[in-house]
N, C-alpha and C. Protein backbone atom coordinates (compact mmCIF):
# COMPACT_ATOMS: atom_id res chain seq x y z
N MET A 1 -24.65 12.64 -10.78
CA MET A 1 -23.96 11.21 -10.45
C MET A 1 -22.43 11.53 -10.30
N ASN A 2 -22.05 11.09 -9.19
CA ASN A 2 -20.44 11.14 -8.97
C ASN A 2 -19.87 9.93 -9.51
N GLN A 3 -18.74 10.11 -10.21
CA GLN A 3 -17.95 9.07 -10.83
C GLN A 3 -16.55 9.29 -10.48
N GLY A 4 -15.79 8.32 -10.46
CA GLY A 4 -14.40 8.35 -10.19
C GLY A 4 -13.80 6.89 -9.84
N ILE A 5 -12.63 6.82 -9.47
CA ILE A 5 -12.01 5.64 -8.91
C ILE A 5 -12.37 5.57 -7.45
N ASN A 6 -12.78 4.40 -7.06
CA ASN A 6 -13.20 4.15 -5.61
C ASN A 6 -12.30 3.09 -4.96
N VAL A 7 -11.77 2.23 -5.65
CA VAL A 7 -10.97 1.17 -5.07
C VAL A 7 -9.74 0.94 -6.10
N VAL A 8 -8.53 0.77 -5.54
CA VAL A 8 -7.45 0.47 -6.23
C VAL A 8 -6.84 -0.69 -5.43
N GLY A 9 -6.62 -1.83 -6.17
CA GLY A 9 -6.22 -3.09 -5.58
C GLY A 9 -4.74 -3.31 -5.59
N LEU A 10 -4.29 -3.94 -4.54
CA LEU A 10 -2.82 -4.51 -4.37
C LEU A 10 -3.04 -6.01 -4.19
N TYR A 11 -2.05 -6.73 -4.75
CA TYR A 11 -1.90 -8.19 -4.65
C TYR A 11 -1.02 -8.30 -3.35
N VAL A 12 -1.61 -9.16 -2.39
CA VAL A 12 -0.77 -9.48 -1.24
C VAL A 12 -0.83 -10.96 -0.95
N ASP A 13 0.19 -11.51 -0.43
CA ASP A 13 0.22 -12.96 -0.14
C ASP A 13 -0.61 -13.44 1.20
N ASP A 14 -0.56 -12.54 2.07
CA ASP A 14 -1.17 -12.81 3.30
C ASP A 14 -2.04 -11.57 3.69
N GLN A 15 -3.25 -11.69 3.65
CA GLN A 15 -4.15 -10.61 3.96
C GLN A 15 -4.15 -10.17 5.37
N ASP A 16 -3.96 -10.98 6.43
CA ASP A 16 -3.81 -10.58 7.75
C ASP A 16 -2.63 -9.80 8.01
N ALA A 17 -1.53 -10.22 7.40
CA ALA A 17 -0.14 -9.47 7.52
C ALA A 17 -0.28 -8.07 6.90
N ALA A 18 -1.01 -8.16 5.72
CA ALA A 18 -1.22 -6.83 4.96
C ALA A 18 -2.06 -5.86 5.89
N LEU A 19 -3.14 -6.41 6.42
CA LEU A 19 -4.02 -5.61 7.22
C LEU A 19 -3.30 -5.07 8.35
N ALA A 20 -2.44 -5.84 9.14
CA ALA A 20 -1.67 -5.44 10.24
C ALA A 20 -0.77 -4.28 9.84
N PHE A 21 -0.04 -4.54 8.71
CA PHE A 21 0.89 -3.51 8.22
C PHE A 21 0.29 -2.01 7.85
N TYR A 22 -0.90 -2.16 7.12
CA TYR A 22 -1.54 -0.91 6.62
C TYR A 22 -2.26 -0.16 7.79
N VAL A 23 -2.71 -1.07 8.79
CA VAL A 23 -3.45 -0.38 9.96
C VAL A 23 -2.45 0.01 11.01
N ASP A 24 -1.71 -0.90 11.53
CA ASP A 24 -0.92 -0.61 12.58
C ASP A 24 0.28 0.28 12.32
N LYS A 25 0.93 0.01 11.08
CA LYS A 25 2.15 0.78 10.88
C LYS A 25 1.94 1.99 10.03
N LEU A 26 1.02 2.04 9.08
CA LEU A 26 0.89 3.21 8.29
C LEU A 26 -0.41 4.06 8.75
N GLY A 27 -1.21 3.50 9.61
CA GLY A 27 -2.34 4.23 10.12
C GLY A 27 -3.59 4.42 9.38
N PHE A 28 -3.61 3.45 8.36
CA PHE A 28 -4.96 3.34 7.67
C PHE A 28 -6.02 2.77 8.57
N ARG A 29 -7.28 2.71 8.17
CA ARG A 29 -8.32 2.10 8.88
C ARG A 29 -9.18 1.04 7.92
N VAL A 30 -9.62 0.10 8.54
CA VAL A 30 -10.45 -0.85 7.72
C VAL A 30 -11.65 -0.20 7.23
N HIS A 31 -11.95 -0.34 6.02
CA HIS A 31 -13.21 -0.04 5.39
C HIS A 31 -14.22 -1.12 5.37
N THR A 32 -13.74 -2.28 4.59
CA THR A 32 -14.55 -3.48 4.45
C THR A 32 -13.68 -4.73 4.51
N ASP A 33 -14.18 -5.61 5.31
CA ASP A 33 -13.74 -6.93 5.45
C ASP A 33 -14.73 -7.99 5.50
N VAL A 34 -15.00 -8.58 4.39
CA VAL A 34 -16.03 -9.72 4.23
C VAL A 34 -15.49 -10.73 3.42
N SER A 35 -16.02 -11.96 3.75
CA SER A 35 -15.59 -13.17 3.01
C SER A 35 -16.79 -13.79 2.36
N ASN A 36 -16.51 -14.55 1.27
CA ASN A 36 -17.45 -15.40 0.55
C ASN A 36 -16.66 -16.59 0.38
N GLY A 37 -16.75 -17.74 1.17
CA GLY A 37 -16.04 -18.89 1.10
C GLY A 37 -14.65 -18.58 1.32
N ALA A 38 -13.72 -18.96 0.32
CA ALA A 38 -12.21 -18.60 0.53
C ALA A 38 -11.96 -17.23 0.08
N TYR A 39 -12.85 -16.47 -0.69
CA TYR A 39 -12.63 -15.32 -1.14
C TYR A 39 -12.78 -14.22 -0.11
N ARG A 40 -11.94 -13.31 0.11
CA ARG A 40 -12.05 -12.21 1.02
C ARG A 40 -11.86 -10.84 0.41
N TRP A 41 -12.84 -9.95 0.51
CA TRP A 41 -12.74 -8.59 0.17
C TRP A 41 -12.33 -7.76 1.31
N LEU A 42 -11.11 -7.29 1.18
CA LEU A 42 -10.56 -6.44 2.30
C LEU A 42 -10.00 -5.15 1.69
N THR A 43 -10.71 -4.12 2.18
CA THR A 43 -10.13 -2.71 1.79
C THR A 43 -9.89 -1.90 3.11
N VAL A 44 -8.86 -1.02 2.91
CA VAL A 44 -8.52 0.03 4.01
C VAL A 44 -8.60 1.27 3.33
N GLN A 45 -8.60 2.32 4.23
CA GLN A 45 -8.62 3.69 3.73
C GLN A 45 -7.52 4.56 4.59
N HIS A 46 -7.03 5.55 3.91
CA HIS A 46 -6.23 6.53 4.54
C HIS A 46 -7.15 7.38 5.28
N PRO A 47 -6.84 7.71 6.56
CA PRO A 47 -7.78 8.52 7.34
C PRO A 47 -8.22 9.93 6.68
N GLU A 48 -7.41 10.41 5.88
CA GLU A 48 -7.66 11.74 5.28
C GLU A 48 -8.28 11.67 3.88
N GLN A 49 -8.58 10.53 3.37
CA GLN A 49 -9.21 10.19 2.15
C GLN A 49 -10.27 9.13 2.28
N PRO A 50 -11.45 9.56 2.81
CA PRO A 50 -12.45 8.59 3.15
C PRO A 50 -13.24 8.08 1.85
N SER A 51 -13.05 8.72 0.76
CA SER A 51 -13.85 8.28 -0.41
C SER A 51 -12.90 7.29 -1.26
N PHE A 52 -11.70 7.08 -0.91
CA PHE A 52 -10.90 6.11 -1.74
C PHE A 52 -10.41 4.88 -0.86
N GLN A 53 -10.53 3.70 -1.40
CA GLN A 53 -10.09 2.62 -0.76
C GLN A 53 -8.94 1.82 -1.43
N LEU A 54 -8.07 1.18 -0.62
CA LEU A 54 -7.05 0.40 -1.14
C LEU A 54 -7.30 -1.01 -0.89
N GLY A 55 -7.50 -1.95 -1.87
CA GLY A 55 -7.98 -3.27 -1.77
C GLY A 55 -6.69 -4.01 -1.52
N LEU A 56 -6.77 -4.93 -0.57
CA LEU A 56 -5.63 -5.80 -0.10
C LEU A 56 -6.16 -7.33 -0.63
N PHE A 57 -5.79 -7.61 -1.90
CA PHE A 57 -6.40 -8.88 -2.35
C PHE A 57 -5.39 -10.02 -2.67
N ARG A 58 -5.76 -11.28 -2.32
CA ARG A 58 -4.92 -12.41 -2.66
C ARG A 58 -5.24 -12.97 -3.88
N PRO A 59 -4.10 -13.04 -4.73
CA PRO A 59 -4.44 -13.74 -6.11
C PRO A 59 -4.94 -15.06 -5.81
N GLY A 60 -5.95 -15.44 -6.67
CA GLY A 60 -6.48 -16.83 -6.77
C GLY A 60 -7.86 -16.77 -7.21
N PRO A 61 -8.62 -17.80 -6.91
CA PRO A 61 -10.05 -18.00 -7.42
C PRO A 61 -10.82 -16.96 -6.65
N PRO A 62 -11.85 -16.42 -7.42
CA PRO A 62 -12.40 -16.85 -8.57
C PRO A 62 -11.70 -16.12 -9.76
N VAL A 63 -10.80 -15.30 -9.58
CA VAL A 63 -10.24 -14.53 -10.71
C VAL A 63 -9.09 -15.16 -11.27
N HIS A 64 -8.29 -15.91 -10.62
CA HIS A 64 -7.02 -16.47 -11.08
C HIS A 64 -7.10 -17.89 -10.89
N ASP A 65 -6.39 -18.67 -11.78
CA ASP A 65 -6.05 -20.14 -11.56
C ASP A 65 -4.92 -20.16 -10.62
N GLU A 66 -4.46 -21.28 -10.18
CA GLU A 66 -3.35 -21.43 -9.24
C GLU A 66 -2.07 -20.98 -9.85
N ALA A 67 -1.88 -21.55 -10.95
CA ALA A 67 -0.59 -21.18 -11.67
C ALA A 67 -0.34 -19.54 -11.84
N THR A 68 -1.35 -18.94 -12.19
CA THR A 68 -1.42 -17.59 -12.35
C THR A 68 -1.21 -16.86 -11.00
N ALA A 69 -2.02 -17.29 -10.01
CA ALA A 69 -1.71 -16.74 -8.66
C ALA A 69 -0.39 -16.89 -8.22
N GLN A 70 0.29 -17.99 -8.40
CA GLN A 70 1.59 -18.12 -7.91
C GLN A 70 2.56 -17.15 -8.70
N THR A 71 2.35 -16.92 -10.02
CA THR A 71 3.09 -16.11 -10.70
C THR A 71 3.05 -14.67 -10.22
N LEU A 72 1.83 -14.23 -9.94
CA LEU A 72 1.53 -12.87 -9.30
C LEU A 72 2.19 -12.71 -8.06
N ARG A 73 2.00 -13.70 -7.18
CA ARG A 73 2.61 -13.43 -5.85
C ARG A 73 4.12 -13.45 -6.04
N ALA A 74 4.75 -14.13 -6.77
CA ALA A 74 6.16 -14.10 -7.13
C ALA A 74 6.71 -12.76 -7.65
N MET A 75 5.91 -12.20 -8.54
CA MET A 75 6.17 -10.89 -9.20
C MET A 75 6.09 -9.83 -7.97
N VAL A 76 5.04 -9.85 -7.21
CA VAL A 76 4.90 -8.91 -6.11
C VAL A 76 6.00 -9.00 -5.21
N ALA A 77 6.44 -10.17 -4.68
CA ALA A 77 7.52 -10.37 -3.78
C ALA A 77 8.88 -9.93 -4.40
N LYS A 78 9.10 -9.84 -5.72
CA LYS A 78 10.27 -9.31 -6.29
C LYS A 78 10.35 -7.85 -6.48
N GLY A 79 9.17 -7.21 -6.01
CA GLY A 79 9.06 -5.72 -6.27
C GLY A 79 8.77 -5.35 -7.71
N ALA A 80 8.25 -6.24 -8.58
CA ALA A 80 8.03 -6.01 -10.02
C ALA A 80 6.75 -5.13 -10.27
N MET A 81 5.93 -4.89 -9.30
CA MET A 81 4.73 -4.05 -9.62
C MET A 81 5.10 -2.51 -9.55
N PRO A 82 4.38 -1.74 -10.09
CA PRO A 82 4.69 -0.16 -10.04
C PRO A 82 4.41 0.19 -8.61
N PRO A 83 5.21 1.18 -8.16
CA PRO A 83 5.03 1.72 -6.79
C PRO A 83 3.88 2.70 -6.73
N LEU A 84 3.29 2.63 -5.48
CA LEU A 84 2.19 3.44 -5.10
C LEU A 84 2.95 4.83 -4.48
N VAL A 85 2.14 5.81 -4.37
CA VAL A 85 2.79 7.01 -3.94
C VAL A 85 1.79 7.61 -2.75
N LEU A 86 2.62 7.72 -1.60
CA LEU A 86 1.96 8.24 -0.44
C LEU A 86 2.47 9.76 -0.21
N SER A 87 1.60 10.75 -0.41
CA SER A 87 1.95 12.03 -0.19
C SER A 87 1.87 12.55 1.38
N VAL A 88 2.93 13.09 1.82
CA VAL A 88 3.20 13.56 3.26
C VAL A 88 3.49 14.98 3.31
N ALA A 89 3.19 15.53 4.34
CA ALA A 89 3.63 17.02 4.65
C ALA A 89 5.11 17.13 4.95
N ASP A 90 5.65 16.08 5.62
CA ASP A 90 7.02 16.12 6.04
C ASP A 90 7.60 14.77 5.91
N CYS A 91 8.38 14.48 4.90
CA CYS A 91 8.81 13.19 4.59
C CYS A 91 9.75 12.76 5.74
N ARG A 92 10.74 13.55 6.07
CA ARG A 92 11.62 13.13 7.24
C ARG A 92 10.94 12.73 8.40
N ALA A 93 9.90 13.56 8.89
CA ALA A 93 9.25 13.25 10.13
C ALA A 93 8.34 11.92 10.03
N SER A 94 7.77 11.81 8.87
CA SER A 94 6.98 10.65 8.57
C SER A 94 7.74 9.35 8.43
N TYR A 95 9.08 9.52 7.94
CA TYR A 95 10.03 8.44 7.88
C TYR A 95 10.43 8.00 9.28
N GLU A 96 10.63 8.99 10.22
CA GLU A 96 10.95 8.59 11.52
C GLU A 96 9.77 7.91 12.30
N GLN A 97 8.65 8.48 11.97
CA GLN A 97 7.50 7.93 12.63
C GLN A 97 7.14 6.50 12.18
N PHE A 98 7.28 6.25 10.78
CA PHE A 98 7.00 4.99 10.34
C PHE A 98 8.08 3.98 10.73
N LYS A 99 9.25 4.42 10.79
CA LYS A 99 10.45 3.58 10.99
C LYS A 99 10.24 3.12 12.51
N ALA A 100 9.90 3.96 13.33
CA ALA A 100 9.61 3.69 14.86
C ALA A 100 8.51 2.53 15.01
N ARG A 101 7.58 2.52 14.00
CA ARG A 101 6.52 1.52 14.05
C ARG A 101 6.88 0.30 13.33
N GLY A 102 8.12 0.12 12.78
CA GLY A 102 8.53 -1.03 12.13
C GLY A 102 8.62 -1.09 10.72
N VAL A 103 8.28 -0.03 10.06
CA VAL A 103 8.30 -0.01 8.57
C VAL A 103 9.71 -0.16 8.23
N GLU A 104 10.08 -1.05 7.22
CA GLU A 104 11.28 -1.20 6.60
C GLU A 104 11.52 -0.47 5.39
N PHE A 105 12.44 0.48 5.45
CA PHE A 105 12.55 1.30 4.23
C PHE A 105 13.62 0.85 3.28
N THR A 106 13.41 1.15 1.97
CA THR A 106 14.42 0.70 0.93
C THR A 106 15.25 1.81 0.60
N GLN A 107 14.77 3.07 1.08
CA GLN A 107 15.46 4.36 0.69
C GLN A 107 15.26 5.27 1.79
N GLU A 108 16.13 5.88 2.35
CA GLU A 108 16.00 6.98 3.32
C GLU A 108 15.64 8.21 2.56
N PRO A 109 15.01 9.21 3.27
CA PRO A 109 14.65 10.43 2.59
C PRO A 109 15.70 11.13 1.80
N VAL A 110 15.43 11.51 0.56
CA VAL A 110 16.38 12.24 -0.26
C VAL A 110 15.61 13.53 -0.96
N ASP A 111 16.50 14.51 -0.95
CA ASP A 111 16.09 15.64 -1.70
C ASP A 111 16.22 15.48 -3.12
N ARG A 112 15.05 15.71 -3.91
CA ARG A 112 15.14 15.56 -5.37
C ARG A 112 14.29 16.52 -5.99
N TYR A 113 14.78 17.41 -6.82
CA TYR A 113 14.02 18.26 -7.69
C TYR A 113 13.11 19.19 -6.77
N GLY A 114 13.56 19.52 -5.56
CA GLY A 114 12.89 20.48 -4.66
C GLY A 114 11.75 19.72 -3.75
N SER A 115 11.71 18.48 -4.05
CA SER A 115 10.78 17.60 -3.21
C SER A 115 11.68 16.66 -2.38
N VAL A 116 11.10 15.92 -1.43
CA VAL A 116 11.81 15.01 -0.56
C VAL A 116 11.13 13.62 -0.76
N ASP A 117 11.68 12.48 -0.99
CA ASP A 117 11.08 11.28 -1.01
C ASP A 117 11.91 10.10 -0.34
N ALA A 118 11.17 9.09 0.08
CA ALA A 118 11.66 7.82 0.61
C ALA A 118 10.98 6.60 0.01
N GLY A 119 11.58 5.48 0.17
CA GLY A 119 10.91 4.35 -0.27
C GLY A 119 10.75 3.28 0.76
N PHE A 120 9.68 2.47 0.72
CA PHE A 120 9.46 1.25 1.60
C PHE A 120 8.73 0.29 0.77
N ARG A 121 8.54 -0.90 1.36
CA ARG A 121 7.80 -2.01 0.68
C ARG A 121 6.82 -2.46 1.82
N ASP A 122 5.69 -3.09 1.49
CA ASP A 122 4.82 -3.60 2.36
C ASP A 122 5.29 -5.18 2.63
N PRO A 123 4.72 -5.88 3.46
CA PRO A 123 5.16 -7.29 3.77
C PRO A 123 5.03 -8.14 2.43
N ALA A 124 4.21 -7.95 1.45
CA ALA A 124 4.08 -8.68 0.18
C ALA A 124 5.13 -8.24 -0.84
N GLY A 125 5.68 -7.21 -0.61
CA GLY A 125 6.71 -6.70 -1.58
C GLY A 125 6.37 -5.41 -2.48
N ASN A 126 5.01 -5.02 -2.21
CA ASN A 126 4.56 -3.91 -2.97
C ASN A 126 5.39 -2.65 -2.53
N GLY A 127 5.98 -2.01 -3.69
CA GLY A 127 6.76 -0.72 -3.44
C GLY A 127 5.93 0.46 -3.21
N TRP A 128 6.56 1.31 -2.34
CA TRP A 128 5.92 2.69 -2.05
C TRP A 128 6.87 3.77 -2.12
N LYS A 129 6.46 4.94 -2.65
CA LYS A 129 7.34 6.08 -2.59
C LYS A 129 6.52 6.94 -1.62
N MET A 130 7.21 7.61 -0.62
CA MET A 130 6.57 8.55 0.24
C MET A 130 7.19 9.96 -0.17
N ILE A 131 6.36 10.78 -0.63
CA ILE A 131 6.74 12.06 -1.20
C ILE A 131 6.25 13.24 -0.59
N GLN A 132 7.20 14.13 -0.10
CA GLN A 132 6.75 15.54 0.45
C GLN A 132 6.93 16.44 -0.88
N ALA A 133 5.79 17.06 -1.27
CA ALA A 133 5.88 17.82 -2.46
C ALA A 133 6.81 19.09 -2.34
N ALA A 134 7.30 19.54 -3.43
CA ALA A 134 8.03 20.72 -3.36
C ALA A 134 7.29 21.98 -2.87
N ALA A 135 7.93 22.89 -2.12
CA ALA A 135 7.14 24.01 -1.66
C ALA A 135 6.77 24.91 -2.86
N GLN A 136 5.50 25.38 -2.88
CA GLN A 136 5.05 26.34 -3.96
C GLN A 136 5.58 27.70 -3.65
N LYS A 137 5.91 28.31 -4.72
CA LYS A 137 6.50 29.65 -4.64
C LYS A 137 5.53 30.63 -5.17
């Protein structure tokens, strides 16, 4: 039996805007997009990680009441959630590629401890670190 993490969720305020960002700007692909009434299960995948899904979920029913949903959306918009990490082979080249697609960066590529990293946020405010790992010796 295979076990492990299959889906990690992010809270987004607008699932269509999030979908456009992750697919059109970051190059992810849609895995699942189904609705049950007002609830929408929307996941995307990085093309090089087909067994892992990133859920783009809107806070609200059936999981949250409206007051909790508003609080969560406000926290995400302020960048209060922990950042996600995107591993890349060449941080500077990926930075230029994503910037040309309209990704707004919060930090340009910086050399740190032998690696290179940059920061950006999605339309909802979720923070990302894009990291090029240090060369192995």
